[in-house]
Amino acid sequence: MIYRYGGEEFTVLLPETDRKSAFIVAENLRRIVENTVFEGEEKSRPGKKITVSIGVAEFPSDAQDRDNLIKMADEALYCAKQKGRNRVCIMNLNTFS
């Protein structure tokens, strides 16, 4: 299930998916976006590709409720951005990998 969460942010819920499988889905999505030429891309980002940064958190390992799960995924997202963008970071028992 995919939901728009903010201006440029989306949430993808993968019920019954463990952390490792969620990472694989996220990394595949990241590669697809990186390797896709989008209409208007050259005008809006001359010489640059569109990329995504992705944060992954697992319920109930990383959070016991919806709000904290979103918070943990958001922290993992900002970890991905801080590490140089265009990558996936996973919340892993309150640390990142």
Protein backbone atom coordinates (compact mmCIF):
# COMPACT_ATOMS: atom_id res chain seq x y z
CA MET A 1 0.00 0.00 0.00
CA ILE A 2 1.43 3.37 -1.01
CA TYR A 3 0.40 6.68 0.54
CA ARG A 4 1.53 10.25 -0.07
CA TYR A 5 2.78 11.41 3.32
CA GLY A 6 4.09 14.90 2.62
CA GLY A 7 5.08 17.17 -0.22
CA GLU A 8 7.74 14.86 -1.62
CA GLU A 9 7.41 11.97 0.83
CA PHE A 10 5.58 8.70 0.44
CA THR A 11 4.91 5.86 2.84
CA VAL A 12 4.92 2.28 1.62
CA LEU A 13 3.39 -0.30 3.94
CA LEU A 14 4.45 -3.89 3.41
CA PRO A 15 2.31 -6.02 5.74
CA GLU A 16 3.83 -9.34 6.78
CA THR A 17 7.22 -8.33 5.38
CA ASP A 18 10.35 -8.65 7.50
CA ARG A 19 13.17 -6.11 7.63
CA LYS A 20 15.39 -7.97 5.13
CA SER A 21 12.59 -8.31 2.56
CA ALA A 22 11.57 -4.66 3.05
CA PHE A 23 15.18 -3.62 2.40
CA ILE A 24 15.18 -5.62 -0.86
CA VAL A 25 11.93 -3.96 -1.98
CA ALA A 26 13.26 -0.51 -1.04
CA GLU A 27 16.59 -1.05 -2.81
CA ASN A 28 14.83 -2.29 -5.95
CA LEU A 29 12.57 0.77 -5.91
CA ARG A 30 15.59 3.05 -5.42
CA ARG A 31 17.38 1.48 -8.42
CA ILE A 32 14.30 1.71 -10.63
CA VAL A 33 13.91 5.43 -9.91
CA GLU A 34 17.63 6.06 -10.40
CA ASN A 35 17.62 4.31 -13.79
CA THR A 36 14.36 5.76 -15.12
CA VAL A 37 14.29 8.83 -17.34
CA PHE A 38 11.23 10.86 -16.37
CA GLU A 39 9.50 13.29 -18.72
CA GLY A 40 10.72 16.82 -18.02
CA GLU A 41 13.69 15.58 -15.99
CA GLU A 42 16.31 17.23 -18.18
CA LYS A 43 14.59 20.61 -17.93
CA SER A 44 14.14 20.48 -14.17
CA ARG A 45 17.46 18.79 -13.30
CA PRO A 46 19.92 19.31 -16.18
CA GLY A 47 22.65 16.69 -16.07
CA LYS A 48 21.32 15.08 -12.89
CA LYS A 49 19.22 11.99 -12.30
CA ILE A 50 16.17 11.85 -10.08
CA THR A 51 16.97 9.77 -7.01
CA VAL A 52 15.26 8.73 -3.78
CA SER A 53 16.35 8.26 -0.19
CA ILE A 54 14.47 5.60 1.73
CA GLY A 55 14.10 4.79 5.41
CA VAL A 56 12.91 1.37 6.58
CA ALA A 57 11.46 0.44 9.98
CA GLU A 58 9.85 -2.81 11.09
CA PHE A 59 6.79 -3.35 13.25
CA PRO A 60 6.85 -4.41 16.06
CA SER A 61 10.65 -4.69 16.38
CA ASP A 62 11.34 -0.96 16.00
CA ALA A 63 8.09 0.49 17.35
CA GLN A 64 4.97 -0.73 19.11
CA ASP A 65 2.51 1.69 17.53
CA ARG A 66 1.82 3.57 14.30
CA ASP A 67 3.16 6.96 15.37
CA ASN A 68 6.47 5.59 16.61
CA LEU A 69 6.83 3.37 13.55
CA ILE A 70 6.50 6.43 11.32
CA LYS A 71 9.00 8.27 13.54
CA MET A 72 11.53 5.42 13.26
CA ALA A 73 11.13 5.19 9.47
CA ASP A 74 11.52 8.97 9.27
CA GLU A 75 14.74 8.82 11.32
CA ALA A 76 16.05 6.12 8.98
CA LEU A 77 15.12 8.32 6.01
CA TYR A 78 17.11 11.25 7.41
CA CYS A 79 20.02 8.87 8.01
CA ALA A 80 19.93 8.01 4.30
CA LYS A 81 19.93 11.70 3.41
CA GLN A 82 22.80 12.45 5.78
CA LYS A 83 24.88 9.61 4.32
CA GLY A 84 24.74 11.18 0.88
CA ARG A 85 21.22 10.54 -0.45
CA ASN A 86 20.12 7.99 -3.06
CA ARG A 87 20.35 5.14 -0.57
CA VAL A 88 18.33 3.00 1.81
CA CYS A 89 18.87 3.07 5.58
CA ILE A 90 17.24 0.59 7.94
CA MET A 91 16.22 1.22 11.50
CA ASN A 92 17.73 -1.71 13.38
CA LEU A 93 16.96 -1.78 17.08
CA ASN A 94 17.42 1.99 17.37
CA THR A 95 20.56 2.07 15.25
CA PHE A 96 21.01 2.42 11.52
CA SER A 97 22.57 0.12 8.97
